[in-house]
């Protein structure tokens, strides 16, 4: 029972695995390439592989060592793992999506409030010596409708944390039903688009969600709305976002994720759109840190540890 770690994890993971009899190979300092990971797999012949986002785990990696039995990802989603290929080869895949839902939920509220209070703009102006109260007059959330696309771990955490703000919360999830409760109304996608004042996205990146926000979907939305993306950057076409902001329909945009990270590594069209966002004081951006808190870093490792032990029918203790 040998485990290969190719990314950084909290020490709790390695200590827990070792305590329960698994051998851990810490290769977190390895080169960020498939070739390097393939060589490590062939050299160490592990049953398990632990990754974060260092590489894309495709068939080349999955089949590098035929004794590989499972792959664990330290984070939410499986967008850098070809889990269909893994399934075809009998390799079990799991993630730690439960670990950072609170962190992303809190980041969502922070960015939402920053948009409504114009906090980023007003802070910078005060630091620069400007005192413009009228130009930074904020808005209140109370009485508005917040729509959530995707009601998994993070979407449901956002709904829970919106309690107390006096907002109506609606949500749509293509793959879930029956989740409505006293904190959230379950609605169709069309209703979500038509009735949301604020739309926040919390979906995995799949073939169905890539560039999800189309011109047709935008046409269904209110004449004025706010948009947030704390899922995956490629869910949105930034070109459409920029157009909606410039047209005045989109009153604010907040994103913790971008299609290219860091953004200046993107293609020319992407960089042009990103530069337009940078100059817009109704935009709030953060560097994919929503789920990356001190607490979630440790929780990710604990959840992965629990799932590995369950895989081997080892009682946690």
C-alpha atoms as a PDB file:
ATOM      1  CA  UNK A   1       0.000   0.000   0.000  1.00  0.00           C
ATOM      2  CA  UNK A   2       2.229   2.746  -1.333  1.00  0.00           C
ATOM      3  CA  UNK A   3       1.035   6.314  -1.988  1.00  0.00           C
ATOM      4  CA  UNK A   4       2.732   8.869  -4.221  1.00  0.00           C
ATOM      5  CA  UNK A   5       2.198  12.553  -3.389  1.00  0.00           C
ATOM      6  CA  UNK A   6       3.069  14.914  -6.242  1.00  0.00           C
ATOM      7  CA  UNK A   7       1.702  18.131  -4.717  1.00  0.00           C
ATOM      8  CA  UNK A   8       1.880  19.892  -1.374  1.00  0.00           C
ATOM      9  CA  UNK A   9      -0.508  18.666   1.309  1.00  0.00           C
ATOM     10  CA  UNK A  10      -0.913  19.402   4.995  1.00  0.00           C
ATOM     11  CA  UNK A  11       1.340  17.171   7.104  1.00  0.00           C
ATOM     12  CA  UNK A  12      -1.790  15.569   8.569  1.00  0.00           C
ATOM     13  CA  UNK A  13      -2.173  13.493   5.383  1.00  0.00           C
ATOM     14  CA  UNK A  14       1.276  11.904   5.364  1.00  0.00           C
ATOM     15  CA  UNK A  15       1.298  11.384   9.123  1.00  0.00           C
ATOM     16  CA  UNK A  16      -2.127   9.748   9.037  1.00  0.00           C
ATOM     17  CA  UNK A  17      -1.317   7.464   6.123  1.00  0.00           C
ATOM     18  CA  UNK A  18       1.954   6.376   7.705  1.00  0.00           C
ATOM     19  CA  UNK A  19       0.295   5.803  11.077  1.00  0.00           C
ATOM     20  CA  UNK A  20      -2.141   3.373   9.447  1.00  0.00           C
ATOM     21  CA  UNK A  21       0.527   1.353   7.674  1.00  0.00           C
ATOM     22  CA  UNK A  22       0.743   2.960   4.248  1.00  0.00           C
ATOM     23  CA  UNK A  23       4.083   3.872   2.726  1.00  0.00           C
ATOM     24  CA  UNK A  24       4.220   7.475   1.513  1.00  0.00           C
ATOM     25  CA  UNK A  25       6.504   8.747  -1.238  1.00  0.00           C
ATOM     26  CA  UNK A  26       6.629  12.545  -1.015  1.00  0.00           C
ATOM     27  CA  UNK A  27       7.466  13.836  -4.496  1.00  0.00           C
ATOM     28  CA  UNK A  28       5.814  17.229  -4.011  1.00  0.00           C
ATOM     29  CA  UNK A  29       8.947  18.935  -5.281  1.00  0.00           C
ATOM     30  CA  UNK A  30       8.890  17.079  -8.593  1.00  0.00           C
ATOM     31  CA  UNK A  31       8.799  18.808 -11.955  1.00  0.00           C
ATOM     32  CA  UNK A  32       5.326  19.930 -13.003  1.00  0.00           C
ATOM     33  CA  UNK A  33       5.063  17.698 -16.053  1.00  0.00           C
ATOM     34  CA  UNK A  34       3.349  14.479 -17.034  1.00  0.00           C
ATOM     35  CA  UNK A  35       6.683  12.996 -18.064  1.00  0.00           C
ATOM     36  CA  UNK A  36       8.125  13.474 -14.589  1.00  0.00           C
ATOM     37  CA  UNK A  37       5.068  11.952 -12.895  1.00  0.00           C
ATOM     38  CA  UNK A  38       5.067   8.988 -15.295  1.00  0.00           C
ATOM     39  CA  UNK A  39       8.687   8.295 -14.359  1.00  0.00           C
ATOM     40  CA  UNK A  40       7.830   8.478 -10.660  1.00  0.00           C
ATOM     41  CA  UNK A  41       4.925   6.071 -11.085  1.00  0.00           C
ATOM     42  CA  UNK A  42       7.100   3.574 -12.913  1.00  0.00           C
ATOM     43  CA  UNK A  43       9.876   3.929 -10.360  1.00  0.00           C
ATOM     44  CA  UNK A  44       7.837   3.699  -7.149  1.00  0.00           C
ATOM     45  CA  UNK A  45       4.872   1.585  -8.355  1.00  0.00           C
ATOM     46  CA  UNK A  46       2.266   3.042  -5.969  1.00  0.00           C
ATOM     47  CA  UNK A  47      -1.307   1.866  -5.540  1.00  0.00           C
ATOM     48  CA  UNK A  48      -2.431   5.436  -4.927  1.00  0.00           C
ATOM     49  CA  UNK A  49      -1.669   8.851  -6.429  1.00  0.00           C
ATOM     50  CA  UNK A  50      -2.402  12.154  -4.667  1.00  0.00           C
ATOM     51  CA  UNK A  51      -2.595  15.295  -6.785  1.00  0.00           C
ATOM     52  CA  UNK A  52      -3.809  18.865  -6.611  1.00  0.00           C
ATOM     53  CA  UNK A  53      -3.514  20.823  -9.858  1.00  0.00           C
ATOM     54  CA  UNK A  54       0.103  20.354 -10.895  1.00  0.00           C
ATOM     55  CA  UNK A  55      -0.636  18.299 -14.014  1.00  0.00           C
ATOM     56  CA  UNK A  56      -3.491  16.947 -16.103  1.00  0.00           C
ATOM     57  CA  UNK A  57      -3.882  13.281 -15.222  1.00  0.00           C
ATOM     58  CA  UNK A  58      -4.695  11.682 -18.578  1.00  0.00           C
ATOM     59  CA  UNK A  59      -4.380   8.164 -19.977  1.00  0.00           C
ATOM     60  CA  UNK A  60      -0.594   8.486 -20.195  1.00  0.00           C
ATOM     61  CA  UNK A  61      -0.388   8.969 -16.436  1.00  0.00           C
ATOM     62  CA  UNK A  62      -3.215   6.592 -15.521  1.00  0.00           C
ATOM     63  CA  UNK A  63      -1.652   3.690 -17.448  1.00  0.00           C
ATOM     64  CA  UNK A  64       1.985   4.414 -16.524  1.00  0.00           C
ATOM     65  CA  UNK A  65       1.802   1.730 -13.843  1.00  0.00           C
ATOM     66  CA  UNK A  66      -0.838  -0.966 -14.168  1.00  0.00           C
ATOM     67  CA  UNK A  67      -0.977  -1.468 -10.395  1.00  0.00           C
ATOM     68  CA  UNK A  68      -2.417   1.997  -9.791  1.00  0.00           C
ATOM     69  CA  UNK A  69      -5.730   1.535  -7.973  1.00  0.00           C
ATOM     70  CA  UNK A  70      -6.870   5.024  -6.988  1.00  0.00           C
ATOM     71  CA  UNK A  71      -6.303   8.765  -7.490  1.00  0.00           C
ATOM     72  CA  UNK A  72      -7.165  11.375  -4.878  1.00  0.00           C
ATOM     73  CA  UNK A  73      -7.433  15.066  -5.717  1.00  0.00           C
ATOM     74  CA  UNK A  74      -6.873  17.719  -3.065  1.00  0.00           C
ATOM     75  CA  UNK A  75      -9.645  20.097  -4.036  1.00  0.00           C
ATOM     76  CA  UNK A  76     -13.098  20.316  -5.553  1.00  0.00           C
ATOM     77  CA  UNK A  77     -13.932  18.935  -8.974  1.00  0.00           C
ATOM     78  CA  UNK A  78     -12.119  16.551 -11.275  1.00  0.00           C
ATOM     79  CA  UNK A  79     -11.344  18.912 -14.137  1.00  0.00           C
ATOM     80  CA  UNK A  80      -7.638  18.017 -14.247  1.00  0.00           C
ATOM     81  CA  UNK A  81      -8.282  14.255 -14.103  1.00  0.00           C
ATOM     82  CA  UNK A  82      -9.666  12.156 -16.940  1.00  0.00           C
ATOM     83  CA  UNK A  83     -11.953  10.276 -14.593  1.00  0.00           C
ATOM     84  CA  UNK A  84     -13.709   8.464 -17.454  1.00  0.00           C
ATOM     85  CA  UNK A  85     -10.400   7.021 -18.576  1.00  0.00           C
ATOM     86  CA  UNK A  86      -9.607   6.131 -14.972  1.00  0.00           C
ATOM     87  CA  UNK A  87     -12.937   4.346 -14.657  1.00  0.00           C
ATOM     88  CA  UNK A  88     -12.236   2.423 -17.871  1.00  0.00           C
ATOM     89  CA  UNK A  89      -9.003   1.177 -16.334  1.00  0.00           C
ATOM     90  CA  UNK A  90     -10.523   0.355 -12.955  1.00  0.00           C
ATOM     91  CA  UNK A  91      -8.868   3.272 -11.150  1.00  0.00           C
ATOM     92  CA  UNK A  92     -11.084   4.797  -8.463  1.00  0.00           C
ATOM     93  CA  UNK A  93     -11.087   8.617  -8.272  1.00  0.00           C
ATOM     94  CA  UNK A  94     -12.183  10.906  -5.448  1.00  0.00           C
ATOM     95  CA  UNK A  95     -11.712  14.496  -4.336  1.00  0.00           C
ATOM     96  CA  UNK A  96     -12.109  16.635  -1.229  1.00  0.00           C
ATOM     97  CA  UNK A  97     -14.888  18.912  -2.378  1.00  0.00           C
ATOM     98  CA  UNK A  98     -16.412  18.963   1.091  1.00  0.00           C
ATOM     99  CA  UNK A  99     -13.282  20.514   2.577  1.00  0.00           C
ATOM    100  CA  UNK A 100     -13.430  24.009   1.157  1.00  0.00           C
ATOM    101  CA  UNK A 101     -17.163  24.646   0.830  1.00  0.00           C
ATOM    102  CA  UNK A 102     -17.226  26.921   3.876  1.00  0.00           C
ATOM    103  CA  UNK A 103     -14.195  28.814   2.608  1.00  0.00           C
ATOM    104  CA  UNK A 104     -15.710  29.383  -0.846  1.00  0.00           C
ATOM    105  CA  UNK A 105     -19.037  30.287   0.715  1.00  0.00           C
ATOM    106  CA  UNK A 106     -17.410  32.978   2.839  1.00  0.00           C
ATOM    107  CA  UNK A 107     -15.376  34.260  -0.128  1.00  0.00           C
ATOM    108  CA  UNK A 108     -18.594  34.521  -2.136  1.00  0.00           C
ATOM    109  CA  UNK A 109     -20.225  36.684   0.517  1.00  0.00           C
ATOM    110  CA  UNK A 110     -17.091  38.810   0.867  1.00  0.00           C
ATOM    111  CA  UNK A 111     -16.972  39.502  -2.869  1.00  0.00           C
ATOM    112  CA  UNK A 112     -20.731  40.091  -3.058  1.00  0.00           C
ATOM    113  CA  UNK A 113     -20.584  42.656  -0.251  1.00  0.00           C
ATOM    114  CA  UNK A 114     -17.490  44.251  -1.788  1.00  0.00           C
ATOM    115  CA  UNK A 115     -19.427  44.818  -5.022  1.00  0.00           C
ATOM    116  CA  UNK A 116     -22.463  46.287  -3.282  1.00  0.00           C
ATOM    117  CA  UNK A 117     -20.471  48.534  -0.916  1.00  0.00           C
ATOM    118  CA  UNK A 118     -17.871  49.541  -3.541  1.00  0.00           C
ATOM    119  CA  UNK A 119     -15.324  48.584  -0.907  1.00  0.00           C
ATOM    120  CA  UNK A 120     -12.311  47.975  -3.171  1.00  0.00           C
ATOM    121  CA  UNK A 121     -12.736  51.280  -5.002  1.00  0.00           C
ATOM    122  CA  UNK A 122     -13.361  53.340  -1.867  1.00  0.00           C
ATOM    123  CA  UNK A 123     -10.420  51.751  -0.029  1.00  0.00           C
ATOM    124  CA  UNK A 124      -8.012  52.590  -2.826  1.00  0.00           C
ATOM    125  CA  UNK A 125      -9.303  56.156  -3.067  1.00  0.00           C
ATOM    126  CA  UNK A 126      -8.905  56.759   0.670  1.00  0.00           C
ATOM    127  CA  UNK A 127      -5.378  55.315   0.560  1.00  0.00           C
ATOM    128  CA  UNK A 128      -4.639  57.668  -2.354  1.00  0.00           C
ATOM    129  CA  UNK A 129      -5.885  60.651  -0.374  1.00  0.00           C
ATOM    130  CA  UNK A 130      -9.360  61.011  -1.921  1.00  0.00           C
ATOM    131  CA  UNK A 131     -12.498  61.317   0.256  1.00  0.00           C
ATOM    132  CA  UNK A 132     -15.464  60.764  -2.061  1.00  0.00           C
ATOM    133  CA  UNK A 133     -18.520  59.745  -0.050  1.00  0.00           C
ATOM    134  CA  UNK A 134     -21.122  60.319  -2.755  1.00  0.00           C
ATOM    135  CA  UNK A 135     -19.088  58.520  -5.424  1.00  0.00           C
ATOM    136  CA  UNK A 136     -18.927  55.470  -3.180  1.00  0.00           C
ATOM    137  CA  UNK A 137     -22.542  55.328  -2.064  1.00  0.00           C
ATOM    138  CA  UNK A 138     -23.346  51.629  -1.661  1.00  0.00           C
ATOM    139  CA  UNK A 139     -26.361  49.396  -2.128  1.00  0.00           C
ATOM    140  CA  UNK A 140     -28.083  47.002   0.258  1.00  0.00           C
ATOM    141  CA  UNK A 141     -28.669  43.306  -0.358  1.00  0.00           C
ATOM    142  CA  UNK A 142     -31.910  43.112   1.586  1.00  0.00           C
ATOM    143  CA  UNK A 143     -34.950  42.464  -0.583  1.00  0.00           C
ATOM    144  CA  UNK A 144     -32.986  41.255  -3.610  1.00  0.00           C
ATOM    145  CA  UNK A 145     -32.928  37.792  -5.189  1.00  0.00           C
ATOM    146  CA  UNK A 146     -29.656  35.872  -5.214  1.00  0.00           C
ATOM    147  CA  UNK A 147     -29.545  32.994  -7.689  1.00  0.00           C
ATOM    148  CA  UNK A 148     -27.155  30.073  -7.303  1.00  0.00           C
ATOM    149  CA  UNK A 149     -26.218  27.864 -10.248  1.00  0.00           C
ATOM    150  CA  UNK A 150     -25.040  24.526  -8.869  1.00  0.00           C
ATOM    151  CA  UNK A 151     -26.187  23.294  -5.470  1.00  0.00           C
ATOM    152  CA  UNK A 152     -23.414  20.939  -4.470  1.00  0.00           C
ATOM    153  CA  UNK A 153     -21.035  21.500  -1.567  1.00  0.00           C
ATOM    154  CA  UNK A 154     -20.249  25.138  -2.314  1.00  0.00           C
ATOM    155  CA  UNK A 155     -23.597  26.237  -3.701  1.00  0.00           C
ATOM    156  CA  UNK A 156     -25.419  24.929  -0.651  1.00  0.00           C
ATOM    157  CA  UNK A 157     -22.837  26.579   1.642  1.00  0.00           C
ATOM    158  CA  UNK A 158     -23.460  29.928  -0.056  1.00  0.00           C
ATOM    159  CA  UNK A 159     -27.208  29.555   0.471  1.00  0.00           C
ATOM    160  CA  UNK A 160     -26.730  28.757   4.138  1.00  0.00           C
ATOM    161  CA  UNK A 161     -24.442  31.751   4.683  1.00  0.00           C
ATOM    162  CA  UNK A 162     -26.927  34.132   3.052  1.00  0.00           C
ATOM    163  CA  UNK A 163     -29.337  33.530   5.933  1.00  0.00           C
ATOM    164  CA  UNK A 164     -29.855  36.753   7.839  1.00  0.00           C
ATOM    165  CA  UNK A 165     -29.323  39.095   4.904  1.00  0.00           C
ATOM    166  CA  UNK A 166     -33.013  39.343   4.118  1.00  0.00           C
ATOM    167  CA  UNK A 167     -32.592  38.084   0.569  1.00  0.00           C
ATOM    168  CA  UNK A 168     -34.585  35.590  -1.441  1.00  0.00           C
ATOM    169  CA  UNK A 169     -32.309  32.696  -2.442  1.00  0.00           C
ATOM    170  CA  UNK A 170     -33.122  30.575  -5.495  1.00  0.00           C
ATOM    171  CA  UNK A 171     -31.031  27.784  -6.973  1.00  0.00           C
ATOM    172  CA  UNK A 172     -30.854  25.436  -9.938  1.00  0.00           C
ATOM    173  CA  UNK A 173     -28.836  22.271 -10.349  1.00  0.00           C
ATOM    174  CA  UNK A 174     -29.169  20.131 -13.445  1.00  0.00           C
ATOM    175  CA  UNK A 175     -28.247  16.967 -11.579  1.00  0.00           C
ATOM    176  CA  UNK A 176     -30.000  17.487  -8.252  1.00  0.00           C
ATOM    177  CA  UNK A 177     -33.617  17.840  -7.267  1.00  0.00           C
ATOM    178  CA  UNK A 178     -35.606  17.985  -4.065  1.00  0.00           C
ATOM    179  CA  UNK A 179     -33.054  20.166  -2.291  1.00  0.00           C
ATOM    180  CA  UNK A 180     -35.343  23.123  -1.609  1.00  0.00           C
ATOM    181  CA  UNK A 181     -35.730  24.066   2.043  1.00  0.00           C
ATOM    182  CA  UNK A 182     -36.426  27.079   4.230  1.00  0.00           C
ATOM    183  CA  UNK A 183     -33.169  28.686   3.078  1.00  0.00           C
ATOM    184  CA  UNK A 184     -33.455  28.213  -0.695  1.00  0.00           C
ATOM    185  CA  UNK A 185     -36.079  27.762  -3.419  1.00  0.00           C
ATOM    186  CA  UNK A 186     -35.392  25.114  -6.064  1.00  0.00           C
ATOM    187  CA  UNK A 187     -36.170  26.589  -9.513  1.00  0.00           C
ATOM    188  CA  UNK A 188     -35.701  25.862 -13.215  1.00  0.00           C
ATOM    189  CA  UNK A 189     -32.739  27.287 -15.113  1.00  0.00           C
ATOM    190  CA  UNK A 190     -35.019  29.735 -16.913  1.00  0.00           C
ATOM    191  CA  UNK A 191     -36.486  30.997 -13.643  1.00  0.00           C
ATOM    192  CA  UNK A 192     -32.997  31.331 -12.196  1.00  0.00           C
ATOM    193  CA  UNK A 193     -31.957  33.546 -15.094  1.00  0.00           C
ATOM    194  CA  UNK A 194     -35.140  35.617 -15.230  1.00  0.00           C
ATOM    195  CA  UNK A 195     -35.466  36.334 -11.507  1.00  0.00           C
ATOM    196  CA  UNK A 196     -31.897  36.687 -10.180  1.00  0.00           C
ATOM    197  CA  UNK A 197     -30.619  40.126  -9.262  1.00  0.00           C
ATOM    198  CA  UNK A 198     -27.313  38.458  -8.426  1.00  0.00           C
ATOM    199  CA  UNK A 199     -26.260  35.237 -10.154  1.00  0.00           C
ATOM    200  CA  UNK A 200     -23.397  33.286  -8.610  1.00  0.00           C
ATOM    201  CA  UNK A 201     -21.877  30.243 -10.309  1.00  0.00           C
ATOM    202  CA  UNK A 202     -20.761  27.134  -8.408  1.00  0.00           C
ATOM    203  CA  UNK A 203     -20.521  24.352 -10.993  1.00  0.00           C
ATOM    204  CA  UNK A 204     -17.741  21.958 -12.030  1.00  0.00           C
ATOM    205  CA  UNK A 205     -16.064  22.437 -15.396  1.00  0.00           C
ATOM    206  CA  UNK A 206     -17.486  19.908 -17.857  1.00  0.00           C
ATOM    207  CA  UNK A 207     -18.355  19.850 -21.521  1.00  0.00           C
ATOM    208  CA  UNK A 208     -21.826  21.062 -20.541  1.00  0.00           C
ATOM    209  CA  UNK A 209     -20.692  23.966 -18.370  1.00  0.00           C
ATOM    210  CA  UNK A 210     -17.822  25.338 -20.476  1.00  0.00           C
ATOM    211  CA  UNK A 211     -18.867  28.792 -21.746  1.00  0.00           C
ATOM    212  CA  UNK A 212     -22.216  28.190 -20.050  1.00  0.00           C
ATOM    213  CA  UNK A 213     -23.248  31.848 -20.085  1.00  0.00           C
ATOM    214  CA  UNK A 214     -24.308  32.314 -23.694  1.00  0.00           C
ATOM    215  CA  UNK A 215     -25.935  35.245 -25.485  1.00  0.00           C
ATOM    216  CA  UNK A 216     -29.261  33.403 -25.342  1.00  0.00           C
ATOM    217  CA  UNK A 217     -29.017  32.912 -21.588  1.00  0.00           C
ATOM    218  CA  UNK A 218     -28.011  36.532 -21.065  1.00  0.00           C
ATOM    219  CA  UNK A 219     -31.099  37.604 -23.005  1.00  0.00           C
ATOM    220  CA  UNK A 220     -33.272  35.991 -20.312  1.00  0.00           C
ATOM    221  CA  UNK A 221     -31.709  37.947 -17.479  1.00  0.00           C
ATOM    222  CA  UNK A 222     -32.965  41.139 -15.900  1.00  0.00           C
ATOM    223  CA  UNK A 223     -32.192  44.515 -17.441  1.00  0.00           C
ATOM    224  CA  UNK A 224     -29.692  45.034 -14.604  1.00  0.00           C
ATOM    225  CA  UNK A 225     -27.886  42.302 -12.681  1.00  0.00           C
ATOM    226  CA  UNK A 226     -24.669  41.320 -10.925  1.00  0.00           C
ATOM    227  CA  UNK A 227     -22.622  38.233 -11.829  1.00  0.00           C
ATOM    228  CA  UNK A 228     -20.190  36.168  -9.764  1.00  0.00           C
ATOM    229  CA  UNK A 229     -18.004  33.198 -10.681  1.00  0.00           C
ATOM    230  CA  UNK A 230     -16.317  31.121  -7.980  1.00  0.00           C
ATOM    231  CA  UNK A 231     -16.355  27.830  -9.883  1.00  0.00           C
ATOM    232  CA  UNK A 232     -14.023  27.544 -12.902  1.00  0.00           C
ATOM    233  CA  UNK A 233     -12.883  30.309 -15.221  1.00  0.00           C
ATOM    234  CA  UNK A 234     -13.842  28.575 -18.461  1.00  0.00           C
ATOM    235  CA  UNK A 235     -17.508  28.530 -17.427  1.00  0.00           C
ATOM    236  CA  UNK A 236     -17.619  32.144 -18.636  1.00  0.00           C
ATOM    237  CA  UNK A 237     -16.623  33.870 -21.857  1.00  0.00           C
ATOM    238  CA  UNK A 238     -14.933  37.030 -20.576  1.00  0.00           C
ATOM    239  CA  UNK A 239     -15.711  38.751 -23.850  1.00  0.00           C
ATOM    240  CA  UNK A 240     -19.429  38.534 -23.066  1.00  0.00           C
ATOM    241  CA  UNK A 241     -18.838  39.768 -19.536  1.00  0.00           C
ATOM    242  CA  UNK A 242     -16.944  42.816 -20.785  1.00  0.00           C
ATOM    243  CA  UNK A 243     -19.695  43.637 -23.301  1.00  0.00           C
ATOM    244  CA  UNK A 244     -22.414  43.392 -20.643  1.00  0.00           C
ATOM    245  CA  UNK A 245     -20.429  45.610 -18.271  1.00  0.00           C
ATOM    246  CA  UNK A 246     -19.769  48.212 -20.965  1.00  0.00           C
ATOM    247  CA  UNK A 247     -23.425  48.154 -22.009  1.00  0.00           C
ATOM    248  CA  UNK A 248     -24.449  48.848 -18.416  1.00  0.00           C
ATOM    249  CA  UNK A 249     -26.660  45.768 -18.036  1.00  0.00           C
ATOM    250  CA  UNK A 250     -24.175  44.042 -15.753  1.00  0.00           C
ATOM    251  CA  UNK A 251     -23.826  46.303 -12.732  1.00  0.00           C
ATOM    252  CA  UNK A 252     -20.937  44.385 -11.231  1.00  0.00           C
ATOM    253  CA  UNK A 253     -18.763  41.328 -11.754  1.00  0.00           C
ATOM    254  CA  UNK A 254     -16.770  39.316  -9.202  1.00  0.00           C
ATOM    255  CA  UNK A 255     -14.531  36.354  -9.959  1.00  0.00           C
ATOM    256  CA  UNK A 256     -12.108  34.239  -7.987  1.00  0.00           C
ATOM    257  CA  UNK A 257     -11.283  32.158 -11.063  1.00  0.00           C
ATOM    258  CA  UNK A 258     -10.222  32.885 -14.637  1.00  0.00           C
ATOM    259  CA  UNK A 259      -9.774  30.695 -17.692  1.00  0.00           C
ATOM    260  CA  UNK A 260      -6.036  31.421 -17.642  1.00  0.00           C
ATOM    261  CA  UNK A 261      -4.250  31.614 -14.315  1.00  0.00           C
ATOM    262  CA  UNK A 262      -2.209  33.773 -13.995  1.00  0.00           C
ATOM    263  CA  UNK A 263      -4.250  35.807 -16.516  1.00  0.00           C
ATOM    264  CA  UNK A 264      -1.317  37.309 -18.402  1.00  0.00           C
ATOM    265  CA  UNK A 265      -0.486  33.787 -19.608  1.00  0.00           C
ATOM    266  CA  UNK A 266      -3.663  33.806 -21.694  1.00  0.00           C
ATOM    267  CA  UNK A 267      -3.994  34.395 -25.421  1.00  0.00           C
ATOM    268  CA  UNK A 268      -4.225  37.911 -26.845  1.00  0.00           C
ATOM    269  CA  UNK A 269      -8.038  38.012 -26.900  1.00  0.00           C
ATOM    270  CA  UNK A 270      -8.231  36.881 -23.288  1.00  0.00           C
ATOM    271  CA  UNK A 271      -5.617  39.407 -22.144  1.00  0.00           C
ATOM    272  CA  UNK A 272      -7.494  42.198 -23.917  1.00  0.00           C
ATOM    273  CA  UNK A 273     -10.689  41.274 -22.074  1.00  0.00           C
ATOM    274  CA  UNK A 274      -8.829  40.906 -18.793  1.00  0.00           C
ATOM    275  CA  UNK A 275      -7.293  44.348 -19.187  1.00  0.00           C
ATOM    276  CA  UNK A 276     -10.784  45.768 -19.693  1.00  0.00           C
ATOM    277  CA  UNK A 277     -11.851  44.170 -16.402  1.00  0.00           C
ATOM    278  CA  UNK A 278      -8.805  45.561 -14.611  1.00  0.00           C
ATOM    279  CA  UNK A 279      -9.816  49.103 -15.537  1.00  0.00           C
ATOM    280  CA  UNK A 280     -13.439  48.706 -14.433  1.00  0.00           C
ATOM    281  CA  UNK A 281     -14.123  49.799 -10.848  1.00  0.00           C
ATOM    282  CA  UNK A 282     -17.285  47.663 -10.735  1.00  0.00           C
ATOM    283  CA  UNK A 283     -15.158  44.493 -10.932  1.00  0.00           C
ATOM    284  CA  UNK A 284     -13.775  42.557  -7.946  1.00  0.00           C
ATOM    285  CA  UNK A 285     -11.122  39.897  -8.598  1.00  0.00           C
ATOM    286  CA  UNK A 286      -9.098  37.509  -6.438  1.00  0.00           C
ATOM    287  CA  UNK A 287      -6.377  34.965  -7.379  1.00  0.00           C
ATOM    288  CA  UNK A 288      -8.269  31.649  -6.987  1.00  0.00           C
ATOM    289  CA  UNK A 289      -8.055  31.745  -3.204  1.00  0.00           C
ATOM    290  CA  UNK A 290     -11.718  31.178  -2.347  1.00  0.00           C
ATOM    291  CA  UNK A 291     -11.146  27.626  -1.183  1.00  0.00           C
ATOM    292  CA  UNK A 292      -7.574  28.178  -0.051  1.00  0.00           C
ATOM    293  CA  UNK A 293      -7.795  29.085   3.622  1.00  0.00           C
ATOM    294  CA  UNK A 294      -5.608  27.972   6.507  1.00  0.00           C
ATOM    295  CA  UNK A 295      -8.477  25.809   7.749  1.00  0.00           C
ATOM    296  CA  UNK A 296      -9.414  24.273   4.389  1.00  0.00           C
ATOM    297  CA  UNK A 297      -5.791  23.318   3.709  1.00  0.00           C
ATOM    298  CA  UNK A 298      -5.879  21.057   6.753  1.00  0.00           C
ATOM    299  CA  UNK A 299      -9.435  19.852   6.140  1.00  0.00           C
ATOM    300  CA  UNK A 300      -8.545  18.771   2.601  1.00  0.00           C
ATOM    301  CA  UNK A 301      -5.865  16.449   3.911  1.00  0.00           C
ATOM    302  CA  UNK A 302      -8.114  15.061   6.642  1.00  0.00           C
ATOM    303  CA  UNK A 303     -10.900  14.271   4.184  1.00  0.00           C
ATOM    304  CA  UNK A 304      -8.492  12.640   1.748  1.00  0.00           C
ATOM    305  CA  UNK A 305      -7.051  10.586   4.599  1.00  0.00           C
ATOM    306  CA  UNK A 306     -10.527   9.457   5.643  1.00  0.00           C
ATOM    307  CA  UNK A 307     -11.373   8.395   2.084  1.00  0.00           C
ATOM    308  CA  UNK A 308      -8.141   6.451   1.622  1.00  0.00           C
ATOM    309  CA  UNK A 309      -8.688   4.577   4.878  1.00  0.00           C
ATOM    310  CA  UNK A 310     -12.256   3.827   3.839  1.00  0.00           C
ATOM    311  CA  UNK A 311     -10.957   2.503   0.511  1.00  0.00           C
ATOM    312  CA  UNK A 312      -8.772   0.020   2.411  1.00  0.00           C
ATOM    313  CA  UNK A 313     -11.449  -0.678   5.062  1.00  0.00           C
ATOM    314  CA  UNK A 314      -9.131   0.686   7.745  1.00  0.00           C
ATOM    315  CA  UNK A 315     -10.881   2.064  10.800  1.00  0.00           C
ATOM    316  CA  UNK A 316      -9.962   5.679  11.500  1.00  0.00           C
ATOM    317  CA  UNK A 317      -8.300   6.018  14.846  1.00  0.00           C
END
